[in-house]
Amino acid sequence: MLKKFQDLLHQYKLEVFHTEHDKQSAEEIATECMQTTEEILEEKFHYHFHKLPDAGRAEIINMINNYTREAILPPVVEKIVRRQVVLEKRIDALVHLMEQMLEVLSSQHDTSPQV
């Protein structure tokens, strides 16, 4: 049984490695990340002033808002989304490993001699 568990763990490690490093998987992850990032960035968030600022101050705030949305936010969101997608794939692989381990345990329990 120990050998079966070692083989299952090895398969899990291979699956995770291929998910993160395989060219096709990397392309799929990148595509999914870009789609999700675009969806997030397309959402409009508004802020409201408690009292109306003067025109000069409003222009500065608008410039800061535009710069943040166009220059700073996209790479940050993309990295967060990429990390999330990779973690989701690792969790899926871990669930698959647990299912296989439980199957091995249940089959081992079914074949054990009754006392």
PDB file of N, CA and C in Angstrom:
ATOM      1  N   MET A   1       0.823  -1.181   0.000  1.00  0.00           N
ATOM      2  CA  MET A   1       0.000   0.000   0.000  1.00  0.00           C
ATOM      3  C   MET A   1       0.875   1.255   0.000  1.00  0.00           C
ATOM      4  N   LEU A   2       1.981   1.207   0.700  1.00  0.00           N
ATOM      5  CA  LEU A   2       2.889   2.342   0.730  1.00  0.00           C
ATOM      6  C   LEU A   2       3.379   2.680  -0.674  1.00  0.00           C
ATOM      7  N   LYS A   3       3.668   1.670  -1.454  1.00  0.00           N
ATOM      8  CA  LYS A   3       4.119   1.876  -2.843  1.00  0.00           C
ATOM      9  C   LYS A   3       3.025   2.558  -3.669  1.00  0.00           C
ATOM     10  N   LYS A   4       1.766   2.162  -3.453  1.00  0.00           N
ATOM     11  CA  LYS A   4       0.661   2.803  -4.178  1.00  0.00           C
ATOM     12  C   LYS A   4       0.572   4.282  -3.826  1.00  0.00           C
ATOM     13  N   PHE A   5       0.704   4.591  -2.532  1.00  0.00           N
ATOM     14  CA  PHE A   5       0.638   5.989  -2.107  1.00  0.00           C
ATOM     15  C   PHE A   5       1.812   6.791  -2.667  1.00  0.00           C
ATOM     16  N   GLN A   6       2.982   6.177  -2.690  1.00  0.00           N
ATOM     17  CA  GLN A   6       4.138   6.869  -3.266  1.00  0.00           C
ATOM     18  C   GLN A   6       3.919   7.141  -4.747  1.00  0.00           C
ATOM     19  N   ASP A   7       3.358   6.169  -5.462  1.00  0.00           N
ATOM     20  CA  ASP A   7       3.068   6.361  -6.886  1.00  0.00           C
ATOM     21  C   ASP A   7       2.028   7.460  -7.101  1.00  0.00           C
ATOM     22  N   LEU A   8       0.997   7.474  -6.267  1.00  0.00           N
ATOM     23  CA  LEU A   8      -0.030   8.512  -6.380  1.00  0.00           C
ATOM     24  C   LEU A   8       0.547   9.903  -6.099  1.00  0.00           C
ATOM     25  N   LEU A   9       1.394   9.991  -5.085  1.00  0.00           N
ATOM     26  CA  LEU A   9       2.032  11.272  -4.777  1.00  0.00           C
ATOM     27  C   LEU A   9       2.933  11.720  -5.917  1.00  0.00           C
ATOM     28  N   HIS A  10       3.645  10.780  -6.496  1.00  0.00           N
ATOM     29  CA  HIS A  10       4.507  11.099  -7.644  1.00  0.00           C
ATOM     30  C   HIS A  10       3.668  11.581  -8.831  1.00  0.00           C
ATOM     31  N   GLN A  11       2.546  10.929  -9.074  1.00  0.00           N
ATOM     32  CA  GLN A  11       1.655  11.363 -10.156  1.00  0.00           C
ATOM     33  C   GLN A  11       1.128  12.768  -9.895  1.00  0.00           C
ATOM     34  N   TYR A  12       0.788  13.060  -8.648  1.00  0.00           N
ATOM     35  CA  TYR A  12       0.315  14.404  -8.288  1.00  0.00           C
ATOM     36  C   TYR A  12       1.400  15.444  -8.570  1.00  0.00           C
ATOM     37  N   LYS A  13       2.614  15.157  -8.147  1.00  0.00           N
ATOM     38  CA  LYS A  13       3.713  16.103  -8.375  1.00  0.00           C
ATOM     39  C   LYS A  13       3.953  16.317  -9.865  1.00  0.00           C
ATOM     40  N   LEU A  14       3.881  15.236 -10.643  1.00  0.00           N
ATOM     41  CA  LEU A  14       4.043  15.374 -12.098  1.00  0.00           C
ATOM     42  C   LEU A  14       2.923  16.214 -12.707  1.00  0.00           C
ATOM     43  N   GLU A  15       1.702  15.960 -12.260  1.00  0.00           N
ATOM     44  CA  GLU A  15       0.560  16.707 -12.784  1.00  0.00           C
ATOM     45  C   GLU A  15       0.694  18.198 -12.479  1.00  0.00           C
ATOM     46  N   VAL A  16       1.089  18.533 -11.267  1.00  0.00           N
ATOM     47  CA  VAL A  16       1.272  19.936 -10.887  1.00  0.00           C
ATOM     48  C   VAL A  16       2.413  20.553 -11.689  1.00  0.00           C
ATOM     49  N   PHE A  17       3.508  19.824 -11.840  1.00  0.00           N
ATOM     50  CA  PHE A  17       4.644  20.341 -12.609  1.00  0.00           C
ATOM     51  C   PHE A  17       4.239  20.603 -14.057  1.00  0.00           C
ATOM     52  N   HIS A  18       3.551  19.646 -14.664  1.00  0.00           N
ATOM     53  CA  HIS A  18       3.134  19.819 -16.058  1.00  0.00           C
ATOM     54  C   HIS A  18       2.118  20.956 -16.199  1.00  0.00           C
ATOM     55  N   THR A  19       1.257  21.106 -15.215  1.00  0.00           N
ATOM     56  CA  THR A  19       0.280  22.191 -15.258  1.00  0.00           C
ATOM     57  C   THR A  19       0.975  23.544 -15.258  1.00  0.00           C
ATOM     58  N   GLU A  20       2.030  23.673 -14.492  1.00  0.00           N
ATOM     59  CA  GLU A  20       2.700  24.958 -14.368  1.00  0.00           C
ATOM     60  C   GLU A  20       3.771  25.185 -15.433  1.00  0.00           C
ATOM     61  N   HIS A  21       4.343  24.121 -16.019  1.00  0.00           N
ATOM     62  CA  HIS A  21       5.478  24.301 -16.918  1.00  0.00           C
ATOM     63  C   HIS A  21       5.253  23.835 -18.348  1.00  0.00           C
ATOM     64  N   ASP A  22       4.243  23.018 -18.570  1.00  0.00           N
ATOM     65  CA  ASP A  22       3.956  22.540 -19.912  1.00  0.00           C
ATOM     66  C   ASP A  22       3.548  23.720 -20.792  1.00  0.00           C
ATOM     67  N   LYS A  23       4.020  23.736 -22.027  1.00  0.00           N
ATOM     68  CA  LYS A  23       3.759  24.872 -22.917  1.00  0.00           C
ATOM     69  C   LYS A  23       2.259  25.068 -23.139  1.00  0.00           C
ATOM     70  N   GLN A  24       1.537  24.007 -23.410  1.00  0.00           N
ATOM     71  CA  GLN A  24       0.103  24.108 -23.665  1.00  0.00           C
ATOM     72  C   GLN A  24      -0.631  24.584 -22.405  1.00  0.00           C
ATOM     73  N   SER A  25      -0.285  24.045 -21.257  1.00  0.00           N
ATOM     74  CA  SER A  25      -0.922  24.461 -20.007  1.00  0.00           C
ATOM     75  C   SER A  25      -0.601  25.921 -19.694  1.00  0.00           C
ATOM     76  N   ALA A  26       0.640  26.321 -19.936  1.00  0.00           N
ATOM     77  CA  ALA A  26       1.023  27.712 -19.697  1.00  0.00           C
ATOM     78  C   ALA A  26       0.234  28.658 -20.594  1.00  0.00           C
ATOM     79  N   GLU A  27       0.018  28.246 -21.841  1.00  0.00           N
ATOM     80  CA  GLU A  27      -0.771  29.072 -22.758  1.00  0.00           C
ATOM     81  C   GLU A  27      -2.222  29.153 -22.303  1.00  0.00           C
ATOM     82  N   GLU A  28      -2.778  28.021 -21.849  1.00  0.00           N
ATOM     83  CA  GLU A  28      -4.155  28.017 -21.357  1.00  0.00           C
ATOM     84  C   GLU A  28      -4.286  28.907 -20.124  1.00  0.00           C
ATOM     85  N   ILE A  29      -3.328  28.824 -19.219  1.00  0.00           N
ATOM     86  CA  ILE A  29      -3.353  29.655 -18.019  1.00  0.00           C
ATOM     87  C   ILE A  29      -3.241  31.125 -18.400  1.00  0.00           C
ATOM     88  N   ALA A  30      -2.342  31.441 -19.319  1.00  0.00           N
ATOM     89  CA  ALA A  30      -2.181  32.833 -19.742  1.00  0.00           C
ATOM     90  C   ALA A  30      -3.456  33.364 -20.381  1.00  0.00           C
ATOM     91  N   THR A  31      -4.093  32.568 -21.221  1.00  0.00           N
ATOM     92  CA  THR A  31      -5.340  32.987 -21.865  1.00  0.00           C
ATOM     93  C   THR A  31      -6.429  33.226 -20.825  1.00  0.00           C
ATOM     94  N   GLU A  32      -6.563  32.294 -19.892  1.00  0.00           N
ATOM     95  CA  GLU A  32      -7.568  32.438 -18.847  1.00  0.00           C
ATOM     96  C   GLU A  32      -7.291  33.667 -17.979  1.00  0.00           C
ATOM     97  N   CYS A  33      -6.020  33.899 -17.684  1.00  0.00           N
ATOM     98  CA  CYS A  33      -5.644  35.062 -16.875  1.00  0.00           C
ATOM     99  C   CYS A  33      -5.975  36.365 -17.593  1.00  0.00           C
ATOM    100  N   MET A  34      -5.662  36.422 -18.875  1.00  0.00           N
ATOM    101  CA  MET A  34      -5.917  37.655 -19.627  1.00  0.00           C
ATOM    102  C   MET A  34      -7.419  37.931 -19.717  1.00  0.00           C
ATOM    103  N   GLN A  35      -8.218  36.900 -19.940  1.00  0.00           N
ATOM    104  CA  GLN A  35      -9.672  37.087 -20.010  1.00  0.00           C
ATOM    105  C   GLN A  35     -10.223  37.584 -18.675  1.00  0.00           C
ATOM    106  N   THR A  36      -9.799  36.960 -17.603  1.00  0.00           N
ATOM    107  CA  THR A  36     -10.279  37.355 -16.281  1.00  0.00           C
ATOM    108  C   THR A  36      -9.801  38.765 -15.932  1.00  0.00           C
ATOM    109  N   THR A  37      -8.550  39.074 -16.258  1.00  0.00           N
ATOM    110  CA  THR A  37      -8.013  40.404 -15.993  1.00  0.00           C
ATOM    111  C   THR A  37      -8.806  41.464 -16.745  1.00  0.00           C
ATOM    112  N   GLU A  38      -9.097  41.204 -18.007  1.00  0.00           N
ATOM    113  CA  GLU A  38      -9.884  42.159 -18.795  1.00  0.00           C
ATOM    114  C   GLU A  38     -11.267  42.357 -18.197  1.00  0.00           C
ATOM    115  N   GLU A  39     -11.893  41.274 -17.754  1.00  0.00           N
ATOM    116  CA  GLU A  39     -13.215  41.386 -17.136  1.00  0.00           C
ATOM    117  C   GLU A  39     -13.157  42.234 -15.866  1.00  0.00           C
ATOM    118  N   ILE A  40     -12.138  42.027 -15.068  1.00  0.00           N
ATOM    119  CA  ILE A  40     -12.004  42.792 -13.824  1.00  0.00           C
ATOM    120  C   ILE A  40     -11.778  44.266 -14.124  1.00  0.00           C
ATOM    121  N   LEU A  41     -10.892  44.539 -15.077  1.00  0.00           N
ATOM    122  CA  LEU A  41     -10.563  45.932 -15.376  1.00  0.00           C
ATOM    123  C   LEU A  41     -11.691  46.661 -16.089  1.00  0.00           C
ATOM    124  N   GLU A  42     -12.590  45.932 -16.741  1.00  0.00           N
ATOM    125  CA  GLU A  42     -13.716  46.583 -17.417  1.00  0.00           C
ATOM    126  C   GLU A  42     -14.785  47.049 -16.431  1.00  0.00           C
ATOM    127  N   GLU A  43     -14.783  46.461 -15.243  1.00  0.00           N
ATOM    128  CA  GLU A  43     -15.750  46.890 -14.244  1.00  0.00           C
ATOM    129  C   GLU A  43     -15.436  48.327 -13.845  1.00  0.00           C
ATOM    130  N   LYS A  44     -16.446  49.116 -13.752  1.00  0.00           N
ATOM    131  CA  LYS A  44     -16.268  50.529 -13.415  1.00  0.00           C
ATOM    132  C   LYS A  44     -16.504  50.731 -11.926  1.00  0.00           C
ATOM    133  N   PHE A  45     -15.538  51.324 -11.292  1.00  0.00           N
ATOM    134  CA  PHE A  45     -15.662  51.665  -9.889  1.00  0.00           C
ATOM    135  C   PHE A  45     -15.681  53.178  -9.780  1.00  0.00           C
ATOM    136  N   HIS A  46     -16.587  53.692  -9.012  1.00  0.00           N
ATOM    137  CA  HIS A  46     -16.731  55.133  -8.869  1.00  0.00           C
ATOM    138  C   HIS A  46     -16.478  55.524  -7.417  1.00  0.00           C
ATOM    139  N   TYR A  47     -15.946  56.685  -7.257  1.00  0.00           N
ATOM    140  CA  TYR A  47     -15.794  57.229  -5.918  1.00  0.00           C
ATOM    141  C   TYR A  47     -16.514  58.570  -5.883  1.00  0.00           C
ATOM    142  N   HIS A  48     -16.971  58.923  -4.710  1.00  0.00           N
ATOM    143  CA  HIS A  48     -17.734  60.159  -4.559  1.00  0.00           C
ATOM    144  C   HIS A  48     -17.025  61.050  -3.547  1.00  0.00           C
ATOM    145  N   PHE A  49     -16.983  62.306  -3.861  1.00  0.00           N
ATOM    146  CA  PHE A  49     -16.398  63.281  -2.949  1.00  0.00           C
ATOM    147  C   PHE A  49     -17.441  63.678  -1.914  1.00  0.00           C
ATOM    148  N   HIS A  50     -16.970  63.901  -0.698  1.00  0.00           N
ATOM    149  CA  HIS A  50     -17.885  64.360   0.339  1.00  0.00           C
ATOM    150  C   HIS A  50     -18.292  65.812   0.080  1.00  0.00           C
ATOM    151  N   LYS A  51     -17.358  66.580  -0.404  1.00  0.00           N
ATOM    152  CA  LYS A  51     -17.683  67.939  -0.852  1.00  0.00           C
ATOM    153  C   LYS A  51     -16.980  68.148  -2.188  1.00  0.00           C
ATOM    154  N   LEU A  52     -17.553  68.921  -3.027  1.00  0.00           N
ATOM    155  CA  LEU A  52     -17.036  69.097  -4.384  1.00  0.00           C
ATOM    156  C   LEU A  52     -15.670  69.771  -4.367  1.00  0.00           C
ATOM    157  N   PRO A  53     -14.698  69.182  -5.051  1.00  0.00           N
ATOM    158  CA  PRO A  53     -13.378  69.820  -5.128  1.00  0.00           C
ATOM    159  C   PRO A  53     -13.390  70.905  -6.201  1.00  0.00           C
ATOM    160  N   ASP A  54     -12.386  71.771  -6.127  1.00  0.00           N
ATOM    161  CA  ASP A  54     -12.287  72.787  -7.178  1.00  0.00           C
ATOM    162  C   ASP A  54     -11.800  72.129  -8.465  1.00  0.00           C
ATOM    163  N   ALA A  55     -11.866  72.832  -9.573  1.00  0.00           N
ATOM    164  CA  ALA A  55     -11.578  72.259 -10.899  1.00  0.00           C
ATOM    165  C   ALA A  55     -10.141  71.741 -10.997  1.00  0.00           C
ATOM    166  N   GLY A  56      -9.178  72.463 -10.473  1.00  0.00           N
ATOM    167  CA  GLY A  56      -7.775  72.033 -10.537  1.00  0.00           C
ATOM    168  C   GLY A  56      -7.537  70.751  -9.771  1.00  0.00           C
ATOM    169  N   ARG A  57      -8.105  70.692  -8.596  1.00  0.00           N
ATOM    170  CA  ARG A  57      -7.945  69.488  -7.775  1.00  0.00           C
ATOM    171  C   ARG A  57      -8.652  68.295  -8.413  1.00  0.00           C
ATOM    172  N   ALA A  58      -9.824  68.511  -8.975  1.00  0.00           N
ATOM    173  CA  ALA A  58     -10.559  67.437  -9.640  1.00  0.00           C
ATOM    174  C   ALA A  58      -9.764  66.903 -10.832  1.00  0.00           C
ATOM    175  N   GLU A  59      -9.089  67.779 -11.562  1.00  0.00           N
ATOM    176  CA  GLU A  59      -8.275  67.356 -12.713  1.00  0.00           C
ATOM    177  C   GLU A  59      -7.102  66.492 -12.250  1.00  0.00           C
ATOM    178  N   ILE A  60      -6.452  66.875 -11.154  1.00  0.00           N
ATOM    179  CA  ILE A  60      -5.334  66.094 -10.615  1.00  0.00           C
ATOM    180  C   ILE A  60      -5.822  64.718 -10.170  1.00  0.00           C
ATOM    181  N   ILE A  61      -6.950  64.672  -9.482  1.00  0.00           N
ATOM    182  CA  ILE A  61      -7.505  63.402  -9.026  1.00  0.00           C
ATOM    183  C   ILE A  61      -7.870  62.532 -10.225  1.00  0.00           C
ATOM    184  N   ASN A  62      -8.430  63.127 -11.257  1.00  0.00           N
ATOM    185  CA  ASN A  62      -8.781  62.394 -12.475  1.00  0.00           C
ATOM    186  C   ASN A  62      -7.526  61.841 -13.160  1.00  0.00           C
ATOM    187  N   MET A  63      -6.445  62.628 -13.198  1.00  0.00           N
ATOM    188  CA  MET A  63      -5.188  62.143 -13.793  1.00  0.00           C
ATOM    189  C   MET A  63      -4.632  60.968 -12.999  1.00  0.00           C
ATOM    190  N   ILE A  64      -4.661  61.075 -11.684  1.00  0.00           N
ATOM    191  CA  ILE A  64      -4.175  59.976 -10.833  1.00  0.00           C
ATOM    192  C   ILE A  64      -5.024  58.733 -11.057  1.00  0.00           C
ATOM    193  N   ASN A  65      -6.334  58.903 -11.128  1.00  0.00           N
ATOM    194  CA  ASN A  65      -7.243  57.785 -11.361  1.00  0.00           C
ATOM    195  C   ASN A  65      -6.946  57.118 -12.702  1.00  0.00           C
ATOM    196  N   ASN A  66      -6.799  57.904 -13.748  1.00  0.00           N
ATOM    197  CA  ASN A  66      -6.514  57.350 -15.079  1.00  0.00           C
ATOM    198  C   ASN A  66      -5.168  56.636 -15.113  1.00  0.00           C
ATOM    199  N   TYR A  67      -4.142  57.226 -14.513  1.00  0.00           N
ATOM    200  CA  TYR A  67      -2.818  56.599 -14.488  1.00  0.00           C
ATOM    201  C   TYR A  67      -2.856  55.273 -13.741  1.00  0.00           C
ATOM    202  N   THR A  68      -3.547  55.260 -12.616  1.00  0.00           N
ATOM    203  CA  THR A  68      -3.653  54.034 -11.826  1.00  0.00           C
ATOM    204  C   THR A  68      -4.360  52.939 -12.612  1.00  0.00           C
ATOM    205  N   ARG A  69      -5.469  53.290 -13.263  1.00  0.00           N
ATOM    206  CA  ARG A  69      -6.247  52.308 -14.029  1.00  0.00           C
ATOM    207  C   ARG A  69      -5.494  51.786 -15.250  1.00  0.00           C
ATOM    208  N   GLU A  70      -4.710  52.632 -15.890  1.00  0.00           N
ATOM    209  CA  GLU A  70      -4.075  52.248 -17.154  1.00  0.00           C
ATOM    210  C   GLU A  70      -2.649  51.730 -16.993  1.00  0.00           C
ATOM    211  N   ALA A  71      -1.923  52.171 -15.970  1.00  0.00           N
ATOM    212  CA  ALA A  71      -0.513  51.803 -15.864  1.00  0.00           C
ATOM    213  C   ALA A  71      -0.210  50.872 -14.696  1.00  0.00           C
ATOM    214  N   ILE A  72      -0.788  51.128 -13.559  1.00  0.00           N
ATOM    215  CA  ILE A  72      -0.425  50.364 -12.363  1.00  0.00           C
ATOM    216  C   ILE A  72      -1.306  49.141 -12.175  1.00  0.00           C
ATOM    217  N   LEU A  73      -2.599  49.309 -12.315  1.00  0.00           N
ATOM    218  CA  LEU A  73      -3.539  48.243 -11.993  1.00  0.00           C
ATOM    219  C   LEU A  73      -3.451  46.999 -12.884  1.00  0.00           C
ATOM    220  N   PRO A  74      -3.324  47.114 -14.219  1.00  0.00           N
ATOM    221  CA  PRO A  74      -3.323  45.888 -15.047  1.00  0.00           C
ATOM    222  C   PRO A  74      -2.269  44.843 -14.687  1.00  0.00           C
ATOM    223  N   PRO A  75      -0.985  45.205 -14.525  1.00  0.00           N
ATOM    224  CA  PRO A  75      -0.028  44.138 -14.181  1.00  0.00           C
ATOM    225  C   PRO A  75      -0.253  43.550 -12.786  1.00  0.00           C
ATOM    226  N   VAL A  76      -0.710  44.365 -11.866  1.00  0.00           N
ATOM    227  CA  VAL A  76      -0.972  43.869 -10.515  1.00  0.00           C
ATOM    228  C   VAL A  76      -2.129  42.874 -10.542  1.00  0.00           C
ATOM    229  N   VAL A  77      -3.211  43.258 -11.219  1.00  0.00           N
ATOM    230  CA  VAL A  77      -4.380  42.373 -11.315  1.00  0.00           C
ATOM    231  C   VAL A  77      -4.006  41.091 -12.049  1.00  0.00           C
ATOM    232  N   GLU A  78      -3.202  41.212 -13.100  1.00  0.00           N
ATOM    233  CA  GLU A  78      -2.799  40.028 -13.871  1.00  0.00           C
ATOM    234  C   GLU A  78      -2.004  39.054 -13.006  1.00  0.00           C
ATOM    235  N   LYS A  79      -1.099  39.557 -12.176  1.00  0.00           N
ATOM    236  CA  LYS A  79      -0.318  38.674 -11.300  1.00  0.00           C
ATOM    237  C   LYS A  79      -1.207  37.999 -10.253  1.00  0.00           C
ATOM    238  N   ILE A  80      -2.146  38.749  -9.707  1.00  0.00           N
ATOM    239  CA  ILE A  80      -3.063  38.173  -8.717  1.00  0.00           C
ATOM    240  C   ILE A  80      -3.919  37.088  -9.364  1.00  0.00           C
ATOM    241  N   VAL A  81      -4.441  37.377 -10.552  1.00  0.00           N
ATOM    242  CA  VAL A  81      -5.288  36.409 -11.250  1.00  0.00           C
ATOM    243  C   VAL A  81      -4.478  35.177 -11.628  1.00  0.00           C
ATOM    244  N   ARG A  82      -3.247  35.359 -12.093  1.00  0.00           N
ATOM    245  CA  ARG A  82      -2.403  34.216 -12.463  1.00  0.00           C
ATOM    246  C   ARG A  82      -2.174  33.309 -11.250  1.00  0.00           C
ATOM    247  N   ARG A  83      -1.876  33.912 -10.131  1.00  0.00           N
ATOM    248  CA  ARG A  83      -1.654  33.135  -8.913  1.00  0.00           C
ATOM    249  C   ARG A  83      -2.927  32.366  -8.536  1.00  0.00           C
ATOM    250  N   GLN A  84      -4.061  33.022  -8.660  1.00  0.00           N
ATOM    251  CA  GLN A  84      -5.337  32.386  -8.340  1.00  0.00           C
ATOM    252  C   GLN A  84      -5.618  31.197  -9.267  1.00  0.00           C
ATOM    253  N   VAL A  85      -5.381  31.371 -10.560  1.00  0.00           N
ATOM    254  CA  VAL A  85      -5.645  30.298 -11.526  1.00  0.00           C
ATOM    255  C   VAL A  85      -4.726  29.106 -11.263  1.00  0.00           C
ATOM    256  N   VAL A  86      -3.450  29.374 -11.000  1.00  0.00           N
ATOM    257  CA  VAL A  86      -2.500  28.289 -10.726  1.00  0.00           C
ATOM    258  C   VAL A  86      -2.899  27.550  -9.442  1.00  0.00           C
ATOM    259  N   LEU A  87      -3.292  28.299  -8.422  1.00  0.00           N
ATOM    260  CA  LEU A  87      -3.715  27.653  -7.179  1.00  0.00           C
ATOM    261  C   LEU A  87      -4.976  26.813  -7.378  1.00  0.00           C
ATOM    262  N   GLU A  88      -5.903  27.286  -8.201  1.00  0.00           N
ATOM    263  CA  GLU A  88      -7.102  26.502  -8.489  1.00  0.00           C
ATOM    264  C   GLU A  88      -6.746  25.192  -9.181  1.00  0.00           C
ATOM    265  N   LYS A  89      -5.801  25.235 -10.100  1.00  0.00           N
ATOM    266  CA  LYS A  89      -5.381  24.016 -10.792  1.00  0.00           C
ATOM    267  C   LYS A  89      -4.668  23.062  -9.832  1.00  0.00           C
ATOM    268  N   ARG A  90      -3.872  23.607  -8.920  1.00  0.00           N
ATOM    269  CA  ARG A  90      -3.199  22.759  -7.934  1.00  0.00           C
ATOM    270  C   ARG A  90      -4.218  22.117  -6.991  1.00  0.00           C
ATOM    271  N   ILE A  91      -5.230  22.860  -6.608  1.00  0.00           N
ATOM    272  CA  ILE A  91      -6.266  22.307  -5.726  1.00  0.00           C
ATOM    273  C   ILE A  91      -7.038  21.217  -6.446  1.00  0.00           C
ATOM    274  N   ASP A  92      -7.324  21.421  -7.739  1.00  0.00           N
ATOM    275  CA  ASP A  92      -7.993  20.372  -8.516  1.00  0.00           C
ATOM    276  C   ASP A  92      -7.149  19.102  -8.549  1.00  0.00           C
ATOM    277  N   ALA A  93      -5.841  19.267  -8.740  1.00  0.00           N
ATOM    278  CA  ALA A  93      -4.949  18.103  -8.754  1.00  0.00           C
ATOM    279  C   ALA A  93      -4.915  17.437  -7.376  1.00  0.00           C
ATOM    280  N   LEU A  94      -4.954  18.236  -6.330  1.00  0.00           N
ATOM    281  CA  LEU A  94      -4.947  17.689  -4.970  1.00  0.00           C
ATOM    282  C   LEU A  94      -6.244  16.933  -4.674  1.00  0.00           C
ATOM    283  N   VAL A  95      -7.365  17.446  -5.143  1.00  0.00           N
ATOM    284  CA  VAL A  95      -8.642  16.744  -4.978  1.00  0.00           C
ATOM    285  C   VAL A  95      -8.589  15.404  -5.714  1.00  0.00           C
ATOM    286  N   HIS A  96      -8.023  15.425  -6.913  1.00  0.00           N
ATOM    287  CA  HIS A  96      -7.879  14.185  -7.683  1.00  0.00           C
ATOM    288  C   HIS A  96      -7.008  13.185  -6.921  1.00  0.00           C
ATOM    289  N   LEU A  97      -5.914  13.663  -6.327  1.00  0.00           N
ATOM    290  CA  LEU A  97      -5.041  12.794  -5.529  1.00  0.00           C
ATOM    291  C   LEU A  97      -5.799  12.204  -4.344  1.00  0.00           C
ATOM    292  N   MET A  98      -6.557  13.021  -3.654  1.00  0.00           N
ATOM    293  CA  MET A  98      -7.305  12.527  -2.499  1.00  0.00           C
ATOM    294  C   MET A  98      -8.342  11.486  -2.914  1.00  0.00           C
ATOM    295  N   GLU A  99      -9.006  11.709  -4.042  1.00  0.00           N
ATOM    296  CA  GLU A  99      -9.976  10.717  -4.527  1.00  0.00           C
ATOM    297  C   GLU A  99      -9.291   9.383  -4.803  1.00  0.00           C
ATOM    298  N   GLN A 100      -8.132   9.444  -5.451  1.00  0.00           N
ATOM    299  CA  GLN A 100      -7.401   8.208  -5.753  1.00  0.00           C
ATOM    300  C   GLN A 100      -6.943   7.516  -4.469  1.00  0.00           C
ATOM    301  N   MET A 101      -6.479   8.299  -3.497  1.00  0.00           N
ATOM    302  CA  MET A 101      -6.039   7.695  -2.238  1.00  0.00           C
ATOM    303  C   MET A 101      -7.211   7.033  -1.505  1.00  0.00           C
ATOM    304  N   LEU A 102      -8.347   7.692  -1.518  1.00  0.00           N
ATOM    305  CA  LEU A 102      -9.516   7.094  -0.872  1.00  0.00           C
ATOM    306  C   LEU A 102      -9.972   5.824  -1.591  1.00  0.00           C
ATOM    307  N   GLU A 103      -9.851   5.817  -2.911  1.00  0.00           N
ATOM    308  CA  GLU A 103     -10.177   4.600  -3.659  1.00  0.00           C
ATOM    309  C   GLU A 103      -9.235   3.471  -3.284  1.00  0.00           C
ATOM    310  N   VAL A 104      -7.947   3.777  -3.162  1.00  0.00           N
ATOM    311  CA  VAL A 104      -6.977   2.754  -2.773  1.00  0.00           C
ATOM    312  C   VAL A 104      -7.292   2.244  -1.369  1.00  0.00           C
ATOM    313  N   LEU A 105      -7.590   3.163  -0.467  1.00  0.00           N
ATOM    314  CA  LEU A 105      -7.914   2.742   0.903  1.00  0.00           C
ATOM    315  C   LEU A 105      -9.182   1.901   0.946  1.00  0.00           C
ATOM    316  N   SER A 106     -10.182   2.292   0.197  1.00  0.00           N
ATOM    317  CA  SER A 106     -11.430   1.519   0.216  1.00  0.00           C
ATOM    318  C   SER A 106     -11.243   0.156  -0.438  1.00  0.00           C
ATOM    319  N   SER A 107     -10.452   0.088  -1.495  1.00  0.00           N
ATOM    320  CA  SER A 107     -10.208  -1.211  -2.124  1.00  0.00           C
ATOM    321  C   SER A 107      -9.355  -2.091  -1.206  1.00  0.00           C
ATOM    322  N   GLN A 108      -8.430  -1.483  -0.484  1.00  0.00           N
ATOM    323  CA  GLN A 108      -7.600  -2.226   0.460  1.00  0.00           C
ATOM    324  C   GLN A 108      -8.475  -2.744   1.606  1.00  0.00           C
ATOM    325  N   HIS A 109      -9.408  -1.924   2.031  1.00  0.00           N
ATOM    326  CA  HIS A 109     -10.304  -2.319   3.131  1.00  0.00           C
ATOM    327  C   HIS A 109     -11.238  -3.451   2.669  1.00  0.00           C
ATOM    328  N   ASP A 110     -11.690  -3.383   1.409  1.00  0.00           N
ATOM    329  CA  ASP A 110     -12.583  -4.419   0.882  1.00  0.00           C
ATOM    330  C   ASP A 110     -11.871  -5.762   0.740  1.00  0.00           C
ATOM    331  N   THR A 111     -10.582  -5.742   0.461  1.00  0.00           N
ATOM    332  CA  THR A 111      -9.848  -6.990   0.238  1.00  0.00           C
ATOM    333  C   THR A 111      -9.216  -7.538   1.507  1.00  0.00           C
ATOM    334  N   SER A 112      -9.320  -6.782   2.600  1.00  0.00           N
ATOM    335  CA  SER A 112      -8.701  -7.287   3.832  1.00  0.00           C
ATOM    336  C   SER A 112      -9.528  -8.464   4.380  1.00  0.00           C
ATOM    337  N   PRO A 113      -8.866  -9.431   4.972  1.00  0.00           N
ATOM    338  CA  PRO A 113      -9.591 -10.613   5.480  1.00  0.00           C
ATOM    339  C   PRO A 113     -10.450 -10.250   6.668  1.00  0.00           C
ATOM    340  N   GLN A 114     -11.628 -10.856   6.741  1.00  0.00           N
ATOM    341  CA  GLN A 114     -12.539 -10.625   7.855  1.00  0.00           C
ATOM    342  C   GLN A 114     -12.177 -11.525   9.007  1.00  0.00           C
ATOM    343  N   VAL A 115     -12.216 -10.992  10.203  1.00  0.00           N
ATOM    344  CA  VAL A 115     -11.880 -11.773  11.389  1.00  0.00           C
ATOM    345  C   VAL A 115     -13.122 -12.280  12.054  1.00  0.00           C
TER     346      VAL A 115
END
